[in-house]
Amino acid sequence: MPERIEAPVRVEAAGEPHKLIEEFAGRASNSEERVSVARMRSPAGWIEPGQRPDFDEYTVVLSGTLRVESEDGSLDVSAGQAVLTRAGEWVRYSTPQGAEYIAVCLPAFSPETAHRDE
């Protein structure tokens, strides 16, 4: 039988100013280690530390623009577009104008496997 997910779990976000993360599946919400699925609501001016995660991350932008910096440069991902960052790549996300997006991490995100810059 299909299993309904009644509500997401709020997860603490890295970066400033504060960003809202609502995890529907993953380590924090249902102890799922294979994948995490979360909706992000990020204000204008939000930026997080760079990271070199142990997971692939697919990000689908619903509104606004997500800036993705890598060692090769940066790109802006707008509403209706998506981006894939691979495990082991250095990446830093920001939302200069604000954005709402869905992030899917394989395997599931954890702060310990994000390997954020100091």
C-alpha atoms as a PDB file:
ATOM      1  CA  MET A   1       0.000   0.000   0.000  1.00  0.00           C
ATOM      2  CA  PRO A   2       1.328   3.478  -0.757  1.00  0.00           C
ATOM      3  CA  GLU A   3       2.484   5.415   2.297  1.00  0.00           C
ATOM      4  CA  ARG A   4       1.294   8.995   2.722  1.00  0.00           C
ATOM      5  CA  ILE A   5       3.793  11.517   4.053  1.00  0.00           C
ATOM      6  CA  GLU A   6       1.579  13.748   6.170  1.00  0.00           C
ATOM      7  CA  ALA A   7       3.963  16.649   6.585  1.00  0.00           C
ATOM      8  CA  PRO A   8       7.634  17.499   6.143  1.00  0.00           C
ATOM      9  CA  VAL A   9      10.119  17.917   8.967  1.00  0.00           C
ATOM     10  CA  ARG A  10      11.901  21.258   9.315  1.00  0.00           C
ATOM     11  CA  VAL A  11      15.671  20.948   9.119  1.00  0.00           C
ATOM     12  CA  GLU A  12      18.234  23.530  10.230  1.00  0.00           C
ATOM     13  CA  ALA A  13      19.902  25.225   7.271  1.00  0.00           C
ATOM     14  CA  ALA A  14      23.479  26.394   6.820  1.00  0.00           C
ATOM     15  CA  GLY A  15      24.115  29.904   5.571  1.00  0.00           C
ATOM     16  CA  GLU A  16      22.770  33.380   6.160  1.00  0.00           C
ATOM     17  CA  PRO A  17      20.165  34.815   6.243  1.00  0.00           C
ATOM     18  CA  HIS A  18      17.973  31.965   7.512  1.00  0.00           C
ATOM     19  CA  LYS A  19      16.556  29.567   4.883  1.00  0.00           C
ATOM     20  CA  LEU A  20      13.582  27.235   5.445  1.00  0.00           C
ATOM     21  CA  ILE A  21      14.151  23.533   4.665  1.00  0.00           C
ATOM     22  CA  GLU A  22      11.211  21.107   4.760  1.00  0.00           C
ATOM     23  CA  GLU A  23      12.309  17.492   4.315  1.00  0.00           C
ATOM     24  CA  PHE A  24       9.689  15.044   3.045  1.00  0.00           C
ATOM     25  CA  ALA A  25      12.013  12.028   2.905  1.00  0.00           C
ATOM     26  CA  GLY A  26      15.496  11.552   4.281  1.00  0.00           C
ATOM     27  CA  ARG A  27      17.546  10.975   7.387  1.00  0.00           C
ATOM     28  CA  ALA A  28      15.830  13.681   9.481  1.00  0.00           C
ATOM     29  CA  SER A  29      12.222  12.960   8.504  1.00  0.00           C
ATOM     30  CA  ASN A  30      11.908   9.184   8.205  1.00  0.00           C
ATOM     31  CA  SER A  31      15.437   7.765   8.651  1.00  0.00           C
ATOM     32  CA  GLU A  32      15.696   7.107   4.898  1.00  0.00           C
ATOM     33  CA  GLU A  33      19.360   6.823   3.917  1.00  0.00           C
ATOM     34  CA  ARG A  34      18.976   6.156   0.164  1.00  0.00           C
ATOM     35  CA  VAL A  35      17.495   9.524  -0.823  1.00  0.00           C
ATOM     36  CA  SER A  36      16.402  12.849   0.615  1.00  0.00           C
ATOM     37  CA  VAL A  37      13.703  15.063  -0.873  1.00  0.00           C
ATOM     38  CA  ALA A  38      13.304  18.576   0.496  1.00  0.00           C
ATOM     39  CA  ARG A  39      11.636  21.853  -0.389  1.00  0.00           C
ATOM     40  CA  MET A  40      13.787  24.943   0.164  1.00  0.00           C
ATOM     41  CA  ARG A  41      12.534  28.486   0.583  1.00  0.00           C
ATOM     42  CA  SER A  42      15.491  30.790   0.427  1.00  0.00           C
ATOM     43  CA  PRO A  43      15.410  34.572   0.940  1.00  0.00           C
ATOM     44  CA  ALA A  44      17.180  37.166  -1.177  1.00  0.00           C
ATOM     45  CA  GLY A  45      20.830  37.412  -0.208  1.00  0.00           C
ATOM     46  CA  TRP A  46      21.131  33.865   1.205  1.00  0.00           C
ATOM     47  CA  ILE A  47      24.499  32.174   0.729  1.00  0.00           C
ATOM     48  CA  GLU A  48      25.856  28.981   2.245  1.00  0.00           C
ATOM     49  CA  PRO A  49      29.416  27.809   2.788  1.00  0.00           C
ATOM     50  CA  GLY A  50      31.020  25.901  -0.052  1.00  0.00           C
ATOM     51  CA  GLN A  51      30.948  22.136   0.243  1.00  0.00           C
ATOM     52  CA  ARG A  52      32.284  18.956  -1.348  1.00  0.00           C
ATOM     53  CA  PRO A  53      29.462  16.483  -0.613  1.00  0.00           C
ATOM     54  CA  ASP A  54      29.456  12.678  -0.755  1.00  0.00           C
ATOM     55  CA  PHE A  55      26.105  12.732  -2.607  1.00  0.00           C
ATOM     56  CA  ASP A  56      24.688  13.715  -5.994  1.00  0.00           C
ATOM     57  CA  GLU A  57      22.164  16.559  -5.750  1.00  0.00           C
ATOM     58  CA  TYR A  58      19.400  17.250  -8.260  1.00  0.00           C
ATOM     59  CA  THR A  59      17.811  20.663  -7.762  1.00  0.00           C
ATOM     60  CA  VAL A  60      14.608  21.798  -9.491  1.00  0.00           C
ATOM     61  CA  VAL A  61      13.936  25.541  -9.223  1.00  0.00           C
ATOM     62  CA  LEU A  62      10.238  26.364  -8.751  1.00  0.00           C
ATOM     63  CA  SER A  63      10.545  30.156  -8.491  1.00  0.00           C
ATOM     64  CA  GLY A  64      13.330  32.722  -8.446  1.00  0.00           C
ATOM     65  CA  THR A  65      16.931  31.899  -9.311  1.00  0.00           C
ATOM     66  CA  LEU A  66      19.504  29.639  -7.676  1.00  0.00           C
ATOM     67  CA  ARG A  67      23.170  30.558  -8.218  1.00  0.00           C
ATOM     68  CA  VAL A  68      25.505  27.545  -8.328  1.00  0.00           C
ATOM     69  CA  GLU A  69      29.248  28.159  -8.016  1.00  0.00           C
ATOM     70  CA  SER A  70      31.817  25.461  -8.802  1.00  0.00           C
ATOM     71  CA  GLU A  71      35.553  25.293  -9.343  1.00  0.00           C
ATOM     72  CA  ASP A  72      34.827  25.837 -13.060  1.00  0.00           C
ATOM     73  CA  GLY A  73      32.711  28.984 -12.674  1.00  0.00           C
ATOM     74  CA  SER A  74      29.107  29.770 -11.826  1.00  0.00           C
ATOM     75  CA  LEU A  75      25.685  29.459 -13.389  1.00  0.00           C
ATOM     76  CA  ASP A  76      22.232  30.747 -12.596  1.00  0.00           C
ATOM     77  CA  VAL A  77      19.373  28.248 -12.615  1.00  0.00           C
ATOM     78  CA  SER A  78      15.948  29.854 -13.097  1.00  0.00           C
ATOM     79  CA  ALA A  79      12.373  28.733 -12.433  1.00  0.00           C
ATOM     80  CA  GLY A  80      11.514  25.755 -14.625  1.00  0.00           C
ATOM     81  CA  GLN A  81      15.149  24.631 -14.861  1.00  0.00           C
ATOM     82  CA  ALA A  82      17.200  22.110 -12.882  1.00  0.00           C
ATOM     83  CA  VAL A  83      20.834  21.419 -12.083  1.00  0.00           C
ATOM     84  CA  LEU A  84      22.791  18.308 -11.117  1.00  0.00           C
ATOM     85  CA  THR A  85      25.890  18.517  -8.955  1.00  0.00           C
ATOM     86  CA  ARG A  86      27.911  15.327  -8.579  1.00  0.00           C
ATOM     87  CA  ALA A  87      29.369  13.817  -5.433  1.00  0.00           C
ATOM     88  CA  GLY A  88      32.924  15.018  -4.873  1.00  0.00           C
ATOM     89  CA  GLU A  89      32.500  18.323  -6.760  1.00  0.00           C
ATOM     90  CA  TRP A  90      33.035  21.543  -4.839  1.00  0.00           C
ATOM     91  CA  VAL A  91      29.850  23.631  -4.947  1.00  0.00           C
ATOM     92  CA  ARG A  92      28.326  26.682  -3.254  1.00  0.00           C
ATOM     93  CA  TYR A  93      24.676  27.679  -3.545  1.00  0.00           C
ATOM     94  CA  SER A  94      23.178  31.141  -3.122  1.00  0.00           C
ATOM     95  CA  THR A  95      19.986  33.033  -3.957  1.00  0.00           C
ATOM     96  CA  PRO A  96      20.783  36.681  -4.683  1.00  0.00           C
ATOM     97  CA  GLN A  97      17.100  37.445  -5.417  1.00  0.00           C
ATOM     98  CA  GLY A  98      15.476  34.591  -3.431  1.00  0.00           C
ATOM     99  CA  ALA A  99      14.160  31.242  -4.664  1.00  0.00           C
ATOM    100  CA  GLU A 100      12.016  28.214  -3.925  1.00  0.00           C
ATOM    101  CA  TYR A 101      13.317  24.847  -5.063  1.00  0.00           C
ATOM    102  CA  ILE A 102      13.243  21.086  -4.529  1.00  0.00           C
ATOM    103  CA  ALA A 103      16.487  19.259  -3.729  1.00  0.00           C
ATOM    104  CA  VAL A 104      16.887  15.506  -4.181  1.00  0.00           C
ATOM    105  CA  CYS A 105      20.092  13.994  -2.756  1.00  0.00           C
ATOM    106  CA  LEU A 106      21.393  10.482  -3.502  1.00  0.00           C
ATOM    107  CA  PRO A 107      22.271   9.070  -1.015  1.00  0.00           C
ATOM    108  CA  ALA A 108      20.394  11.138   1.543  1.00  0.00           C
ATOM    109  CA  PHE A 109      21.868  14.421   2.778  1.00  0.00           C
ATOM    110  CA  SER A 110      23.494  14.649   6.177  1.00  0.00           C
ATOM    111  CA  PRO A 111      25.604  17.474   7.609  1.00  0.00           C
ATOM    112  CA  GLU A 112      28.465  14.993   8.083  1.00  0.00           C
ATOM    113  CA  THR A 113      28.530  14.039   4.397  1.00  0.00           C
ATOM    114  CA  ALA A 114      28.267  17.619   3.065  1.00  0.00           C
ATOM    115  CA  HIS A 115      31.889  18.434   4.015  1.00  0.00           C
ATOM    116  CA  ARG A 116      31.299  22.176   4.258  1.00  0.00           C
ATOM    117  CA  ASP A 117      34.133  24.698   4.082  1.00  0.00           C
ATOM    118  CA  GLU A 118      35.227  26.185   7.403  1.00  0.00           C
END
